[in-house]
Amino acid sequence: MAANNFDDPNDDARQQRKIYSISELNAELKALIEESFPFVWIFGEISNFRIPASGHFYFTMKDGSSQIGAVMFRGQQRHLKFRPEDGMSVTGMGRLGVYAPRGTYQIILEYLEPSGIGALQIAFEKLKKRLADEGCFDDEYKKPLPFLPRQISIVTSLSGSVVHDMLKTINRRFANLHIQIIPVKVQGPGSAEEIVAALELLNARNEADVAVLARGGGSLEDLQAFNTEWVARAIFASKIPIISAVGHETDYTICDFVADLRAPTPSAAAELVVPEKIELQRRCHDVLMRLKTNINYYFDRLRFKLKEKSKRLVDPRRNLEDHRLRLDDFVTRLNRSFCLQVRREREYLEFWQDRLNANNPELFMVKSKQKLEQIVEKLIKSLIIYNHSKKIKTRELNAKLEALNPLAILARGYSVTRTIPKAAVVKDSQDVALDQDLEVMLAKGRLICRVKGRSQDGQKNI
């Protein structure tokens, strides 16, 4: 071990001092802390919660004045009944450990539960919300129950009174019905796995028309198997309708929300799954009596109609003579109608011939030619008048144009004076300066002049 000693090498007391390296000090502290605190319970509030790619939980547990780093490895998370979040108060059990490369210590949690509300209740609410968001509770996925199932499967424990109560109720309502019992554990370790296996077996055999998942009442811990995600998804995936009859009327489990029907008690499920045979027999008897009554009434009406028809029947020869008379009458009426129709068609044809002669194309062409000649004559007269008026208008406009022509004004001896080089028309003597060159435009040609003097209002400026 290399160490730096800046004291006097001759001092024996100082030579006996032990100088640690950083790694040695952290290693001894790690051994001391981990041996002194193998497992501790700790209470605090979660902050800075994060989950890296490894899947481990890293967060800080703090109270009013201190904090400590905490980690829960992925293997211990399977026992959690809730999802940790920032700001949640929790109680945990774990061992203290020192991370030597950084010289920091932390608690490695083996168990974690929320403070205040129970872990099972939080797990129940979180699973319920997640399954509801996925649509597992929607009515559109609920399968209808058969009115009279041929076979009923009951998934429950054989040790309790539930199965006996259900069998008694079903036998009372509908005796000799085929009932299949699938025994499973309804609480304790492995109960959820047995329920899932029973539901999968039920669907694989596909013999039952409906299944009842039943259990008596109990605490939230006792009903935990029916609040697991595996059982809920097995019920949702079942092709056979499932009735949930878990606990008492006030008990609610995740299975109740996922199942196709919830019964408040197992006995109530037995009453819901099968109708009462006596009531069905009574209804069948009533339907049979109504059917007999309707059939008898129907035959009575047929007999009455047959009797009435028989009275109206006559001798066939007399009926034949009547038909011959009616046939002769129809032939006479047909000939009369045919002749009348021919006469009407002939009159109609003559009417259209007269109209066709009246609209002879030759007559129409003669009238159109005359009308065209009149239109041409009127058009020529209109063009002559229009041309004459335009000529007069043109002479008037030429006269006005000549009167406004600037060249005509210049021809009378006037001129236009402009500056050089901007070519601005000079209107005021103050707009030009002495010795400035100006351009004077005349009727013929132009002059370039220089200003020698100015005058305005009788005053001169030379």
Protein backbone atom coordinates (compact mmCIF):
# COMPACT_ATOMS: atom_id res chain seq x y z
CA MET A 1 0.00 0.00 0.00
CA ALA A 2 1.39 3.34 -1.07
CA ALA A 3 0.74 6.29 1.25
CA ASN A 4 2.06 9.86 1.44
CA ASN A 5 3.45 10.91 4.88
CA PHE A 6 4.42 14.56 5.21
CA ASP A 7 5.37 14.33 8.93
CA ASP A 8 8.71 13.72 10.41
CA PRO A 9 9.83 10.18 9.45
CA ASN A 10 11.67 9.87 12.74
CA ASP A 11 8.46 10.24 14.76
CA ASP A 12 7.56 6.64 15.81
CA ALA A 13 4.05 7.52 16.88
CA ARG A 14 3.26 8.97 13.52
CA GLN A 15 4.91 6.06 11.72
CA GLN A 16 2.39 3.79 13.41
CA ARG A 17 -0.65 5.64 11.92
CA LYS A 18 -2.62 3.68 9.28
CA ILE A 19 -3.43 5.62 6.14
CA TYR A 20 -6.32 4.24 4.06
CA SER A 21 -6.75 4.45 0.34
CA ILE A 22 -10.21 5.44 -0.87
CA SER A 23 -10.98 1.89 -2.02
CA GLU A 24 -9.89 0.41 1.31
CA LEU A 25 -11.98 2.86 3.30
CA ASN A 26 -15.09 2.27 1.17
CA ALA A 27 -14.57 -1.50 1.38
CA GLU A 28 -14.37 -1.46 5.19
CA LEU A 29 -17.38 0.85 5.44
CA LYS A 30 -19.30 -1.43 3.08
CA ALA A 31 -18.52 -4.49 5.24
CA LEU A 32 -19.32 -2.62 8.47
CA ILE A 33 -22.65 -1.23 7.27
CA GLU A 34 -23.86 -4.40 5.55
CA GLU A 35 -22.98 -6.52 8.60
CA SER A 36 -24.53 -4.07 11.08
CA PHE A 37 -27.79 -3.58 9.12
CA PRO A 38 -28.60 -6.86 7.36
CA PHE A 39 -32.33 -6.00 7.13
CA VAL A 40 -34.14 -2.84 8.20
CA TRP A 41 -37.65 -1.44 7.88
CA ILE A 42 -37.83 2.09 6.55
CA PHE A 43 -40.60 4.61 5.98
CA GLY A 44 -40.54 7.64 3.67
CA GLU A 45 -41.80 9.40 0.56
CA ILE A 46 -40.78 8.39 -2.99
CA SER A 47 -39.14 10.96 -5.28
CA ASN A 48 -37.05 10.88 -8.46
CA PHE A 49 -38.60 7.54 -9.43
CA ARG A 50 -37.13 6.10 -12.65
CA ILE A 51 -36.94 2.79 -14.51
CA PRO A 52 -33.92 2.31 -16.81
CA ALA A 53 -33.67 -0.27 -19.59
CA SER A 54 -32.70 -2.96 -17.04
CA GLY A 55 -36.20 -2.79 -15.49
CA HIS A 56 -34.94 -2.11 -11.94
CA PHE A 57 -36.60 0.59 -9.81
CA TYR A 58 -34.35 3.48 -8.75
CA PHE A 59 -35.72 6.23 -6.52
CA THR A 60 -35.07 8.33 -3.43
CA MET A 61 -36.84 7.87 -0.08
CA LYS A 62 -37.03 11.02 2.00
CA ASP A 63 -38.65 12.52 5.04
CA GLY A 64 -38.75 16.09 6.31
CA SER A 65 -34.96 16.51 6.70
CA SER A 66 -33.09 13.56 5.15
CA GLN A 67 -33.07 11.24 2.20
CA ILE A 68 -31.53 7.94 1.10
CA GLY A 69 -31.14 6.28 -2.27
CA ALA A 70 -33.20 3.14 -2.84
CA VAL A 71 -33.23 0.40 -5.46
CA MET A 72 -35.55 -2.54 -6.03
CA PHE A 73 -34.27 -5.12 -8.47
CA ARG A 74 -36.50 -6.60 -11.11
CA GLY A 75 -36.73 -9.99 -9.42
CA GLN A 76 -38.35 -8.55 -6.28
CA GLN A 77 -40.95 -6.57 -8.25
CA ARG A 78 -43.15 -9.59 -8.91
CA HIS A 79 -44.37 -9.44 -5.31
CA LEU A 80 -45.54 -5.83 -5.62
CA LYS A 81 -49.28 -5.20 -5.48
CA PHE A 82 -49.03 -1.61 -6.72
CA ARG A 83 -46.96 0.65 -8.97
CA PRO A 84 -44.64 3.09 -7.10
CA GLU A 85 -44.97 6.75 -8.05
CA ASP A 86 -43.40 10.04 -7.03
CA GLY A 87 -44.97 11.52 -3.91
CA MET A 88 -46.26 8.17 -2.60
CA SER A 89 -45.60 7.33 1.06
CA VAL A 90 -44.31 3.77 1.40
CA THR A 91 -42.92 1.37 3.97
CA GLY A 92 -40.21 -1.02 2.85
CA MET A 93 -37.85 -3.69 4.13
CA GLY A 94 -34.38 -4.22 2.77
CA ARG A 95 -30.69 -4.31 3.44
CA LEU A 96 -28.21 -1.46 3.43
CA GLY A 97 -25.46 -1.57 0.85
CA VAL A 98 -22.50 0.61 -0.11
CA TYR A 99 -21.68 1.32 -3.73
CA ALA A 100 -17.89 1.46 -3.39
CA PRO A 101 -17.02 3.11 -6.73
CA ARG A 102 -18.93 6.22 -5.67
CA GLY A 103 -18.68 5.96 -1.91
CA THR A 104 -22.45 6.17 -1.47
CA TYR A 105 -24.75 3.94 0.49
CA GLN A 106 -28.32 2.96 -0.36
CA ILE A 107 -31.02 0.58 0.69
CA ILE A 108 -31.74 -2.45 -1.49
CA LEU A 109 -35.43 -3.16 -0.97
CA GLU A 110 -36.86 -6.67 -0.83
CA TYR A 111 -40.42 -5.67 0.07
CA LEU A 112 -42.42 -2.49 -0.42
CA GLU A 113 -45.98 -1.51 0.45
CA PRO A 114 -47.85 1.81 0.42
CA SER A 115 -48.61 3.49 3.70
CA GLY A 116 -52.16 4.39 4.61
CA ILE A 117 -54.32 2.47 2.09
CA GLY A 118 -53.54 -1.23 1.74
CA ALA A 119 -51.41 -2.61 -1.05
CA LEU A 120 -54.14 -5.02 -2.16
CA GLN A 121 -56.65 -2.21 -2.47
CA ILE A 122 -54.23 -0.09 -4.52
CA ALA A 123 -53.44 -3.08 -6.71
CA PHE A 124 -57.16 -3.70 -7.14
CA GLU A 125 -57.86 -0.10 -8.23
CA LYS A 126 -54.87 0.08 -10.59
CA LEU A 127 -55.71 -3.24 -12.28
CA LYS A 128 -59.34 -2.22 -12.54
CA LYS A 129 -58.42 1.07 -14.22
CA ARG A 130 -55.96 -0.55 -16.64
CA LEU A 131 -58.42 -3.24 -17.73
CA ALA A 132 -61.19 -0.66 -18.06
CA ASP A 133 -58.97 1.48 -20.29
CA GLU A 134 -58.32 -1.59 -22.47
CA GLY A 135 -62.08 -2.12 -22.88
CA CYS A 136 -62.27 -5.42 -20.96
CA PHE A 137 -65.38 -4.20 -19.09
CA ASP A 138 -67.27 -2.91 -22.16
CA ASP A 139 -70.75 -4.29 -22.81
CA GLU A 140 -69.95 -4.95 -26.47
CA TYR A 141 -67.74 -7.87 -25.40
CA LYS A 142 -70.34 -9.40 -23.04
CA LYS A 143 -71.65 -12.71 -24.40
CA PRO A 144 -75.36 -13.50 -23.98
CA LEU A 145 -76.33 -16.37 -21.71
CA PRO A 146 -78.26 -19.31 -23.16
CA PHE A 147 -81.91 -19.44 -22.15
CA LEU A 148 -81.81 -23.16 -21.28
CA PRO A 149 -78.24 -24.52 -21.17
CA ARG A 150 -77.74 -28.21 -21.88
CA GLN A 151 -74.62 -28.38 -19.70
CA ILE A 152 -73.43 -26.09 -16.90
CA SER A 153 -69.86 -26.00 -15.60
CA ILE A 154 -69.18 -24.83 -12.04
CA VAL A 155 -65.62 -23.74 -11.23
CA THR A 156 -65.27 -23.68 -7.43
CA SER A 157 -63.85 -25.46 -4.43
CA LEU A 158 -65.27 -28.83 -3.33
CA SER A 159 -64.54 -28.18 0.33
CA GLY A 160 -67.00 -25.34 0.87
CA SER A 161 -70.79 -25.17 0.98
CA VAL A 162 -70.98 -23.15 -2.23
CA VAL A 163 -71.10 -26.14 -4.57
CA HIS A 164 -73.76 -27.90 -2.46
CA ASP A 165 -75.96 -24.79 -2.31
CA MET A 166 -75.68 -24.30 -6.05
CA LEU A 167 -76.44 -27.94 -6.86
CA LYS A 168 -79.44 -27.84 -4.53
CA THR A 169 -80.77 -24.65 -6.13
CA ILE A 170 -80.23 -25.86 -9.71
CA ASN A 171 -81.83 -29.25 -8.94
CA ARG A 172 -84.82 -27.50 -7.36
CA ARG A 173 -85.31 -25.23 -10.39
CA PHE A 174 -84.53 -27.75 -13.14
CA ALA A 175 -83.90 -31.34 -12.13
CA ASN A 176 -81.74 -33.79 -14.11
CA LEU A 177 -79.71 -31.04 -15.78
CA HIS A 178 -76.17 -31.99 -16.84
CA ILE A 179 -73.77 -30.25 -14.43
CA GLN A 180 -69.98 -30.42 -14.61
CA ILE A 181 -67.89 -29.43 -11.58
CA ILE A 182 -64.26 -28.34 -12.04
CA PRO A 183 -62.61 -28.27 -8.57
CA VAL A 184 -60.04 -25.51 -7.95
CA LYS A 185 -58.45 -23.70 -5.03
CA VAL A 186 -60.23 -20.41 -4.40
CA GLN A 187 -57.66 -18.81 -2.11
CA GLY A 188 -54.04 -19.09 -1.13
CA PRO A 189 -50.92 -19.71 -3.19
CA GLY A 190 -51.54 -21.28 -6.60
CA SER A 191 -55.29 -20.57 -6.55
CA ALA A 192 -55.14 -18.07 -9.44
CA GLU A 193 -53.14 -20.52 -11.55
CA GLU A 194 -55.69 -23.30 -10.93
CA ILE A 195 -58.59 -21.02 -11.87
CA VAL A 196 -56.86 -20.00 -15.11
CA ALA A 197 -56.10 -23.64 -15.92
CA ALA A 198 -59.74 -24.59 -15.25
CA LEU A 199 -61.03 -21.86 -17.60
CA GLU A 200 -58.59 -22.90 -20.31
CA LEU A 201 -59.66 -26.55 -19.91
CA LEU A 202 -63.29 -25.48 -20.06
CA ASN A 203 -62.77 -23.72 -23.40
CA ALA A 204 -60.56 -26.48 -24.79
CA ARG A 205 -63.26 -29.13 -24.19
CA ASN A 206 -66.02 -26.75 -25.36
CA GLU A 207 -68.78 -28.89 -23.89
CA ALA A 208 -70.51 -26.46 -21.53
CA ASP A 209 -72.97 -23.82 -22.65
CA VAL A 210 -72.28 -21.58 -19.65
CA ALA A 211 -69.86 -21.58 -16.71
CA VAL A 212 -70.17 -20.23 -13.16
CA LEU A 213 -67.06 -19.08 -11.29
CA ALA A 214 -68.16 -19.27 -7.66
CA ARG A 215 -66.80 -18.73 -4.17
CA GLY A 216 -68.19 -17.72 -0.79
CA GLY A 217 -67.52 -14.46 0.99
CA GLY A 218 -64.26 -13.40 2.55
CA SER A 219 -61.83 -10.57 3.08
CA LEU A 220 -59.96 -8.79 0.32
CA GLU A 221 -56.99 -11.04 0.95
CA ASP A 222 -59.17 -14.16 0.68
CA LEU A 223 -60.60 -12.95 -2.66
CA GLN A 224 -57.18 -12.01 -4.06
CA ALA A 225 -57.17 -14.88 -6.58
CA PHE A 226 -60.21 -13.31 -8.27
CA ASN A 227 -58.48 -9.90 -8.42
CA THR A 228 -55.49 -11.06 -10.45
CA GLU A 229 -54.84 -10.02 -14.00
CA TRP A 230 -54.35 -13.63 -15.18
CA VAL A 231 -57.81 -14.69 -14.08
CA ALA A 232 -59.38 -11.52 -15.53
CA ARG A 233 -57.77 -12.06 -18.93
CA ALA A 234 -58.71 -15.76 -18.90
CA ILE A 235 -62.36 -14.78 -18.34
CA PHE A 236 -62.18 -12.12 -21.07
CA ALA A 237 -60.67 -14.62 -23.53
CA SER A 238 -63.25 -17.32 -22.77
CA LYS A 239 -65.57 -18.23 -25.64
CA ILE A 240 -68.05 -19.70 -23.15
CA PRO A 241 -70.19 -17.20 -21.21
CA ILE A 242 -68.93 -16.78 -17.65
CA ILE A 243 -71.04 -15.84 -14.61
CA SER A 244 -69.06 -14.40 -11.70
CA ALA A 245 -70.51 -15.36 -8.31
CA VAL A 246 -67.72 -14.45 -5.92
CA GLY A 247 -68.32 -13.39 -2.32
CA HIS A 248 -71.39 -11.76 -0.86
CA GLU A 249 -73.59 -9.13 -2.45
CA THR A 250 -71.37 -6.28 -1.23
CA ASP A 251 -68.14 -7.90 -2.44
CA TYR A 252 -66.78 -6.79 -5.81
CA THR A 253 -63.82 -8.37 -7.59
CA ILE A 254 -62.14 -7.80 -10.94
CA CYS A 255 -63.85 -10.98 -12.18
CA ASP A 256 -67.24 -9.35 -11.59
CA PHE A 257 -66.41 -6.57 -14.06
CA VAL A 258 -64.87 -8.81 -16.74
CA ALA A 259 -67.45 -11.62 -16.57
CA ASP A 260 -70.45 -11.66 -18.88
CA LEU A 261 -72.79 -11.49 -15.87
CA ARG A 262 -72.28 -10.81 -12.16
CA ALA A 263 -74.38 -12.62 -9.58
CA PRO A 264 -74.49 -11.19 -6.04
CA THR A 265 -74.11 -14.68 -4.49
CA PRO A 266 -73.47 -18.22 -5.75
CA SER A 267 -77.10 -19.16 -4.99
CA ALA A 268 -78.28 -16.20 -7.04
CA ALA A 269 -76.03 -17.39 -9.89
CA ALA A 270 -77.72 -20.79 -9.74
CA GLU A 271 -81.09 -19.08 -10.13
CA LEU A 272 -79.85 -16.90 -12.99
CA VAL A 273 -78.13 -19.64 -14.98
CA VAL A 274 -81.20 -21.86 -15.42
CA PRO A 275 -84.93 -21.11 -15.54
CA GLU A 276 -87.46 -22.82 -13.32
CA LYS A 277 -88.77 -26.01 -14.91
CA ILE A 278 -92.26 -25.71 -13.37
CA GLU A 279 -92.60 -22.19 -14.78
CA LEU A 280 -91.45 -23.38 -18.21
CA GLN A 281 -93.93 -26.26 -18.11
CA ARG A 282 -96.72 -23.85 -17.20
CA ARG A 283 -95.74 -21.51 -20.03
CA CYS A 284 -95.55 -24.43 -22.47
CA HIS A 285 -99.00 -25.59 -21.35
CA ASP A 286 -100.40 -22.09 -21.84
CA VAL A 287 -98.83 -21.86 -25.31
CA LEU A 288 -100.20 -25.31 -26.21
CA MET A 289 -103.71 -24.35 -25.08
CA ARG A 290 -103.58 -21.09 -27.06
CA LEU A 291 -102.30 -23.01 -30.07
CA LYS A 292 -105.14 -25.53 -29.85
CA THR A 293 -107.68 -22.75 -29.49
CA ASN A 294 -106.30 -20.90 -32.51
CA ILE A 295 -106.20 -24.07 -34.62
CA ASN A 296 -109.79 -24.97 -33.74
CA TYR A 297 -110.90 -21.45 -34.55
CA TYR A 298 -109.03 -21.58 -37.84
CA PHE A 299 -110.67 -24.86 -38.87
CA ASP A 300 -114.10 -23.56 -37.84
CA ARG A 301 -113.62 -20.59 -40.15
CA LEU A 302 -112.56 -22.90 -42.98
CA ARG A 303 -115.63 -25.07 -42.48
CA PHE A 304 -117.87 -22.01 -42.53
CA LYS A 305 -116.28 -20.72 -45.73
CA LEU A 306 -116.55 -24.15 -47.34
CA LYS A 307 -120.24 -24.29 -46.47
CA GLU A 308 -120.84 -20.82 -47.90
CA LYS A 309 -119.02 -21.70 -51.11
CA SER A 310 -121.01 -24.92 -51.45
CA LYS A 311 -124.25 -22.96 -51.30
CA ARG A 312 -123.12 -20.74 -54.13
CA LEU A 313 -122.31 -23.63 -56.44
CA VAL A 314 -124.82 -24.14 -59.39
CA ASP A 315 -125.40 -26.66 -62.21
CA PRO A 316 -122.36 -26.64 -64.56
CA ARG A 317 -124.57 -26.61 -67.71
CA ARG A 318 -126.44 -23.57 -66.48
CA ASN A 319 -123.17 -21.94 -65.60
CA LEU A 320 -121.89 -22.75 -69.10
CA GLU A 321 -124.94 -21.14 -70.73
CA ASP A 322 -124.44 -18.04 -68.64
CA HIS A 323 -120.84 -17.89 -69.77
CA ARG A 324 -121.90 -18.25 -73.43
CA LEU A 325 -124.32 -15.36 -73.07
CA ARG A 326 -121.64 -13.28 -71.45
CA LEU A 327 -119.24 -14.24 -74.23
CA ASP A 328 -121.69 -13.12 -76.95
CA ASP A 329 -122.23 -9.88 -75.11
CA PHE A 330 -118.47 -9.35 -74.82
CA VAL A 331 -118.00 -10.02 -78.58
CA THR A 332 -120.73 -7.51 -79.49
CA ARG A 333 -119.26 -4.90 -77.19
CA LEU A 334 -115.80 -5.60 -78.55
CA ASN A 335 -116.94 -5.08 -82.18
CA ARG A 336 -118.70 -1.88 -81.24
CA SER A 337 -115.66 -0.62 -79.37
CA PHE A 338 -113.38 -1.58 -82.25
CA CYS A 339 -115.51 0.28 -84.84
CA LEU A 340 -115.70 3.32 -82.57
CA GLN A 341 -111.95 3.24 -82.10
CA VAL A 342 -111.34 3.02 -85.86
CA ARG A 343 -113.63 5.98 -86.48
CA ARG A 344 -111.85 8.02 -83.84
CA GLU A 345 -108.47 7.17 -85.33
CA ARG A 346 -109.65 8.15 -88.81
CA GLU A 347 -110.91 11.52 -87.51
CA TYR A 348 -107.61 12.00 -85.70
CA LEU A 349 -105.69 11.25 -88.92
CA GLU A 350 -107.77 13.73 -90.91
CA PHE A 351 -107.19 16.37 -88.26
CA TRP A 352 -103.42 15.98 -88.52
CA GLN A 353 -103.53 15.99 -92.33
CA ASP A 354 -105.31 19.35 -92.22
CA ARG A 355 -102.69 20.69 -89.84
CA LEU A 356 -99.92 19.34 -92.05
CA ASN A 357 -101.41 21.02 -95.13
CA ALA A 358 -101.75 24.25 -93.21
CA ASN A 359 -98.05 24.00 -92.32
CA ASN A 360 -96.85 23.15 -95.84
CA PRO A 361 -93.12 23.94 -96.09
CA GLU A 362 -93.59 25.71 -99.46
CA LEU A 363 -96.07 28.15 -97.95
CA PHE A 364 -93.75 28.61 -95.00
CA MET A 365 -90.79 29.33 -97.32
CA VAL A 366 -92.78 31.94 -99.29
CA LYS A 367 -93.81 33.71 -96.08
CA SER A 368 -90.28 33.49 -94.72
CA LYS A 369 -88.81 34.94 -97.96
CA GLN A 370 -91.18 37.89 -97.83
CA LYS A 371 -90.37 38.48 -94.20
CA LEU A 372 -86.64 38.23 -94.96
CA GLU A 373 -86.90 40.85 -97.73
CA GLN A 374 -88.67 43.22 -95.35
CA ILE A 375 -86.01 42.69 -92.71
CA VAL A 376 -83.19 43.32 -95.25
CA GLU A 377 -84.85 46.53 -96.43
CA LYS A 378 -85.24 47.76 -92.87
CA LEU A 379 -81.64 46.82 -92.12
CA ILE A 380 -80.31 48.79 -95.10
CA LYS A 381 -82.32 51.86 -94.11
CA SER A 382 -81.08 51.56 -90.53
CA LEU A 383 -77.46 51.28 -91.69
CA ILE A 384 -77.82 54.39 -93.89
CA ILE A 385 -79.32 56.40 -91.03
CA TYR A 386 -76.70 55.10 -88.59
CA ASN A 387 -73.84 55.93 -91.01
CA HIS A 388 -75.18 59.45 -91.60
CA SER A 389 -75.49 60.14 -87.87
CA LYS A 390 -71.95 58.88 -87.25
CA LYS A 391 -70.57 61.16 -89.98
CA ILE A 392 -72.26 64.17 -88.38
CA LYS A 393 -70.88 63.12 -84.98
CA THR A 394 -67.41 62.73 -86.49
CA ARG A 395 -67.49 66.26 -87.98
CA GLU A 396 -68.54 67.68 -84.61
CA LEU A 397 -65.72 65.86 -82.82
CA ASN A 398 -63.18 66.99 -85.44
CA ALA A 399 -64.29 70.58 -84.93
CA LYS A 400 -63.89 70.26 -81.15
CA LEU A 401 -60.53 68.59 -81.60
CA GLU A 402 -59.30 71.36 -83.88
CA ALA A 403 -60.48 73.96 -81.37
CA LEU A 404 -58.49 72.23 -78.61
CA ASN A 405 -55.39 71.52 -80.73
CA PRO A 406 -52.34 73.24 -79.16
CA LEU A 407 -50.79 73.66 -82.60
CA ALA A 408 -53.78 75.73 -83.65
CA ILE A 409 -53.14 78.04 -80.69
CA LEU A 410 -49.47 78.31 -81.66
CA ALA A 411 -50.49 79.12 -85.22
CA ARG A 412 -52.20 82.23 -83.93
CA GLY A 413 -48.87 83.59 -82.66
CA TYR A 414 -48.68 82.01 -79.24
CA SER A 415 -45.73 80.01 -77.95
CA VAL A 416 -44.89 77.58 -75.15
CA THR A 417 -41.80 78.15 -72.99
CA ARG A 418 -40.11 75.20 -71.21
CA THR A 419 -37.06 74.91 -69.03
CA ILE A 420 -33.95 73.06 -70.04
CA PRO A 421 -33.32 70.20 -69.45
CA LYS A 422 -36.37 69.29 -67.31
CA ALA A 423 -38.83 70.51 -70.01
CA ALA A 424 -41.12 72.05 -67.40
CA VAL A 425 -43.63 74.60 -68.80
CA VAL A 426 -42.88 78.09 -67.50
CA LYS A 427 -45.97 79.74 -66.00
CA ASP A 428 -44.41 82.24 -63.62
CA SER A 429 -41.40 84.51 -64.11
CA GLN A 430 -40.21 83.54 -60.65
CA ASP A 431 -39.80 79.94 -61.81
CA VAL A 432 -36.70 80.82 -63.89
CA ALA A 433 -33.38 82.38 -63.05
CA LEU A 434 -31.27 84.99 -64.90
CA ASP A 435 -29.06 83.60 -67.63
CA GLN A 436 -31.06 80.36 -67.62
CA ASP A 437 -31.59 78.67 -70.98
CA LEU A 438 -35.20 78.21 -72.06
CA GLU A 439 -36.86 76.43 -74.97
CA VAL A 440 -39.57 78.40 -76.83
CA MET A 441 -41.91 76.22 -78.90
CA LEU A 442 -43.55 77.97 -81.92
CA ALA A 443 -46.09 76.84 -84.47
CA LYS A 444 -43.15 76.01 -86.72
CA GLY A 445 -39.88 75.18 -85.02
CA ARG A 446 -38.47 76.15 -81.64
CA LEU A 447 -36.02 78.67 -80.16
CA ILE A 448 -33.33 78.34 -77.50
CA CYS A 449 -33.22 81.60 -75.49
CA ARG A 450 -31.38 82.88 -72.42
CA VAL A 451 -33.10 84.96 -69.73
CA LYS A 452 -31.68 88.52 -69.65
CA GLY A 453 -34.25 90.01 -67.32
CA ARG A 454 -37.54 89.42 -65.46
CA SER A 455 -40.49 91.61 -64.52
CA GLN A 456 -43.63 90.98 -62.53
CA ASP A 457 -46.33 93.38 -61.39
CA GLY A 458 -44.34 96.27 -62.95
CA GLN A 459 -41.13 95.45 -61.11
CA LYS A 460 -38.02 94.49 -63.01
CA ASN A 461 -35.25 92.23 -62.03
CA ILE A 462 -32.25 92.43 -64.43
